[in-house]
Amino acid sequence: MNRFFYTFGSDSGFPFQNGWVEVHAADWNEAHEKFRARFPGRHENTVNCSFFYSEEQWRRMDPEHTWHGYQCYVVIE
């Protein structure tokens, strides 16, 4: 199982502000399906977040230690 990360800025239209959701899935398709099931897009064919990252991309950015004031809101298994 892989970890995928969906981030949010300060837009009040996002499910959360200034943080992220972690999704455990086999691949990007499954991750997007799980995320969209929990947090539907505001517009057709969109994902309701600022950005999304693979586990490798996330590890290189190290947001747990560099994004002060941000937090993980939900882990979707």
N, C-alpha and C. Protein backbone atom coordinates (compact mmCIF):
# COMPACT_ATOMS: atom_id res chain seq x y z
N MET A 1 0.85 -1.18 0.00
CA MET A 1 0.00 0.00 0.00
C MET A 1 0.89 1.24 0.00
N ASN A 2 0.52 2.21 -0.80
CA ASN A 2 1.26 3.46 -0.91
C ASN A 2 0.54 4.57 -0.15
N ARG A 3 1.28 5.61 0.16
CA ARG A 3 0.70 6.78 0.83
C ARG A 3 0.68 7.94 -0.16
N PHE A 4 -0.45 8.64 -0.22
CA PHE A 4 -0.62 9.81 -1.06
C PHE A 4 -1.12 10.95 -0.18
N PHE A 5 -0.76 12.17 -0.54
CA PHE A 5 -1.05 13.32 0.32
C PHE A 5 -1.76 14.40 -0.49
N TYR A 6 -2.87 14.89 0.07
CA TYR A 6 -3.69 15.93 -0.55
C TYR A 6 -3.64 17.15 0.36
N THR A 7 -3.19 18.26 -0.17
CA THR A 7 -2.96 19.44 0.67
C THR A 7 -4.03 20.51 0.45
N PHE A 8 -4.15 21.38 1.46
CA PHE A 8 -5.12 22.46 1.44
C PHE A 8 -4.46 23.75 1.86
N GLY A 9 -4.81 24.82 1.18
CA GLY A 9 -4.38 26.15 1.59
C GLY A 9 -5.44 26.78 2.46
N SER A 10 -5.61 28.08 2.33
CA SER A 10 -6.53 28.80 3.21
C SER A 10 -7.93 28.98 2.62
N ASP A 11 -8.18 28.50 1.42
CA ASP A 11 -9.49 28.64 0.77
C ASP A 11 -10.57 27.97 1.61
N SER A 12 -11.60 28.71 1.98
CA SER A 12 -12.66 28.17 2.82
C SER A 12 -13.52 27.13 2.09
N GLY A 13 -13.35 27.00 0.79
CA GLY A 13 -14.08 25.99 0.04
C GLY A 13 -13.48 24.60 0.15
N PHE A 14 -12.26 24.51 0.66
CA PHE A 14 -11.62 23.21 0.87
C PHE A 14 -12.21 22.54 2.11
N PRO A 15 -12.12 21.22 2.18
CA PRO A 15 -12.62 20.52 3.37
C PRO A 15 -11.92 20.97 4.65
N PHE A 16 -10.65 21.31 4.55
CA PHE A 16 -9.86 21.79 5.69
C PHE A 16 -9.00 22.95 5.21
N GLN A 17 -8.46 23.71 6.13
CA GLN A 17 -7.56 24.79 5.76
C GLN A 17 -6.18 24.51 6.37
N ASN A 18 -5.16 24.82 5.57
CA ASN A 18 -3.77 24.75 6.02
C ASN A 18 -3.39 23.40 6.62
N GLY A 19 -3.46 22.40 5.80
CA GLY A 19 -3.09 21.06 6.25
C GLY A 19 -3.19 20.07 5.12
N TRP A 20 -3.32 18.80 5.48
CA TRP A 20 -3.36 17.76 4.46
C TRP A 20 -4.17 16.56 4.93
N VAL A 21 -4.49 15.71 3.95
CA VAL A 21 -5.13 14.42 4.18
C VAL A 21 -4.20 13.37 3.59
N GLU A 22 -3.99 12.30 4.32
CA GLU A 22 -3.17 11.18 3.84
C GLU A 22 -4.10 10.06 3.39
N VAL A 23 -3.84 9.51 2.21
CA VAL A 23 -4.66 8.42 1.67
C VAL A 23 -3.77 7.22 1.42
N HIS A 24 -4.18 6.06 1.90
CA HIS A 24 -3.46 4.81 1.65
C HIS A 24 -4.17 4.09 0.51
N ALA A 25 -3.42 3.81 -0.55
CA ALA A 25 -4.02 3.19 -1.74
C ALA A 25 -2.94 2.48 -2.55
N ALA A 26 -3.39 1.62 -3.45
CA ALA A 26 -2.46 0.88 -4.30
C ALA A 26 -1.83 1.77 -5.36
N ASP A 27 -2.61 2.75 -5.87
CA ASP A 27 -2.10 3.62 -6.93
C ASP A 27 -2.87 4.94 -6.91
N TRP A 28 -2.49 5.84 -7.83
CA TRP A 28 -3.13 7.16 -7.89
C TRP A 28 -4.63 7.06 -8.13
N ASN A 29 -5.05 6.16 -9.02
CA ASN A 29 -6.48 6.04 -9.32
C ASN A 29 -7.28 5.71 -8.07
N GLU A 30 -6.80 4.73 -7.32
CA GLU A 30 -7.50 4.35 -6.09
C GLU A 30 -7.45 5.48 -5.07
N ALA A 31 -6.32 6.16 -4.97
CA ALA A 31 -6.20 7.27 -4.03
C ALA A 31 -7.20 8.37 -4.36
N HIS A 32 -7.29 8.75 -5.63
CA HIS A 32 -8.26 9.78 -6.03
C HIS A 32 -9.69 9.33 -5.76
N GLU A 33 -10.00 8.08 -6.04
CA GLU A 33 -11.35 7.56 -5.77
C GLU A 33 -11.69 7.67 -4.29
N LYS A 34 -10.76 7.25 -3.44
CA LYS A 34 -11.00 7.30 -2.00
C LYS A 34 -11.16 8.74 -1.52
N PHE A 35 -10.29 9.63 -2.02
CA PHE A 35 -10.37 11.03 -1.61
C PHE A 35 -11.69 11.64 -2.06
N ARG A 36 -12.05 11.43 -3.32
CA ARG A 36 -13.29 12.01 -3.86
C ARG A 36 -14.53 11.45 -3.18
N ALA A 37 -14.48 10.19 -2.76
CA ALA A 37 -15.63 9.61 -2.06
C ALA A 37 -15.88 10.33 -0.74
N ARG A 38 -14.82 10.75 -0.11
CA ARG A 38 -14.92 11.44 1.18
C ARG A 38 -15.11 12.94 1.01
N PHE A 39 -14.43 13.52 0.01
CA PHE A 39 -14.45 14.96 -0.22
C PHE A 39 -14.71 15.24 -1.71
N PRO A 40 -15.97 15.25 -2.13
CA PRO A 40 -16.28 15.46 -3.55
C PRO A 40 -15.72 16.80 -4.07
N GLY A 41 -15.40 16.82 -5.36
CA GLY A 41 -14.90 18.04 -5.98
C GLY A 41 -15.97 19.12 -6.04
N ARG A 42 -15.54 20.35 -6.04
CA ARG A 42 -16.48 21.47 -6.15
C ARG A 42 -16.95 21.66 -7.58
N HIS A 43 -16.16 21.18 -8.52
CA HIS A 43 -16.47 21.27 -9.94
C HIS A 43 -16.24 19.89 -10.56
N GLU A 44 -16.88 19.64 -11.66
CA GLU A 44 -16.75 18.34 -12.33
C GLU A 44 -15.29 18.08 -12.71
N ASN A 45 -14.87 16.84 -12.51
CA ASN A 45 -13.52 16.38 -12.87
C ASN A 45 -12.40 17.12 -12.14
N THR A 46 -12.66 17.55 -10.92
CA THR A 46 -11.61 18.18 -10.12
C THR A 46 -11.44 17.41 -8.81
N VAL A 47 -10.33 17.67 -8.17
CA VAL A 47 -10.06 17.13 -6.84
C VAL A 47 -10.08 18.32 -5.90
N ASN A 48 -10.84 18.24 -4.82
CA ASN A 48 -11.06 19.38 -3.93
C ASN A 48 -9.89 19.58 -2.96
N CYS A 49 -8.75 19.97 -3.54
CA CYS A 49 -7.56 20.25 -2.74
C CYS A 49 -6.67 21.20 -3.53
N SER A 50 -5.60 21.66 -2.89
CA SER A 50 -4.65 22.54 -3.58
C SER A 50 -3.73 21.74 -4.50
N PHE A 51 -3.08 20.73 -3.92
CA PHE A 51 -2.14 19.89 -4.65
C PHE A 51 -2.20 18.48 -4.08
N PHE A 52 -1.64 17.52 -4.82
CA PHE A 52 -1.50 16.17 -4.29
C PHE A 52 -0.12 15.64 -4.63
N TYR A 53 0.39 14.79 -3.73
CA TYR A 53 1.78 14.34 -3.81
C TYR A 53 1.90 12.85 -3.54
N SER A 54 2.86 12.23 -4.20
CA SER A 54 3.20 10.84 -3.89
C SER A 54 4.00 10.82 -2.59
N GLU A 55 4.19 9.63 -2.06
CA GLU A 55 4.97 9.51 -0.82
C GLU A 55 6.41 9.99 -1.03
N GLU A 56 6.98 9.69 -2.17
CA GLU A 56 8.35 10.12 -2.45
C GLU A 56 8.45 11.64 -2.52
N GLN A 57 7.52 12.27 -3.22
CA GLN A 57 7.52 13.73 -3.29
C GLN A 57 7.35 14.33 -1.90
N TRP A 58 6.45 13.76 -1.12
CA TRP A 58 6.16 14.24 0.23
C TRP A 58 7.40 14.16 1.12
N ARG A 59 8.08 13.03 1.03
CA ARG A 59 9.28 12.82 1.85
C ARG A 59 10.35 13.87 1.52
N ARG A 60 10.52 14.19 0.25
CA ARG A 60 11.52 15.19 -0.15
C ARG A 60 11.18 16.58 0.38
N MET A 61 9.89 16.90 0.45
CA MET A 61 9.47 18.22 0.94
C MET A 61 9.52 18.33 2.46
N ASP A 62 9.28 17.21 3.15
CA ASP A 62 9.32 17.14 4.62
C ASP A 62 8.39 18.15 5.30
N PRO A 63 7.12 18.21 4.90
CA PRO A 63 6.22 19.22 5.47
C PRO A 63 5.94 19.06 6.95
N GLU A 64 6.03 17.85 7.49
CA GLU A 64 5.79 17.69 8.92
C GLU A 64 6.75 18.54 9.75
N HIS A 65 7.92 18.84 9.18
CA HIS A 65 8.92 19.61 9.91
C HIS A 65 9.13 21.01 9.36
N THR A 66 8.55 21.31 8.21
CA THR A 66 8.81 22.62 7.59
C THR A 66 7.56 23.48 7.39
N TRP A 67 6.39 22.89 7.43
CA TRP A 67 5.15 23.65 7.23
C TRP A 67 4.56 23.97 8.60
N HIS A 68 5.07 24.94 9.25
CA HIS A 68 4.65 25.29 10.61
C HIS A 68 3.19 25.75 10.61
N GLY A 69 2.42 25.20 11.53
CA GLY A 69 1.01 25.53 11.64
C GLY A 69 0.10 24.63 10.80
N TYR A 70 0.68 23.79 9.95
CA TYR A 70 -0.10 22.85 9.14
C TYR A 70 -0.17 21.52 9.87
N GLN A 71 -1.22 20.74 9.57
CA GLN A 71 -1.37 19.46 10.25
C GLN A 71 -2.08 18.46 9.35
N CYS A 72 -1.98 17.20 9.71
CA CYS A 72 -2.73 16.15 9.05
C CYS A 72 -4.10 16.09 9.70
N TYR A 73 -5.15 16.22 8.90
CA TYR A 73 -6.51 16.21 9.44
C TYR A 73 -7.14 14.83 9.44
N VAL A 74 -6.86 14.04 8.40
CA VAL A 74 -7.51 12.73 8.26
C VAL A 74 -6.56 11.78 7.56
N VAL A 75 -6.60 10.51 7.97
CA VAL A 75 -5.93 9.44 7.24
C VAL A 75 -7.03 8.53 6.72
N ILE A 76 -7.07 8.33 5.41
CA ILE A 76 -8.07 7.47 4.78
C ILE A 76 -7.39 6.16 4.43
N GLU A 77 -7.86 5.09 5.03
CA GLU A 77 -7.29 3.76 4.78
C GLU A 77 -7.90 3.14 3.54
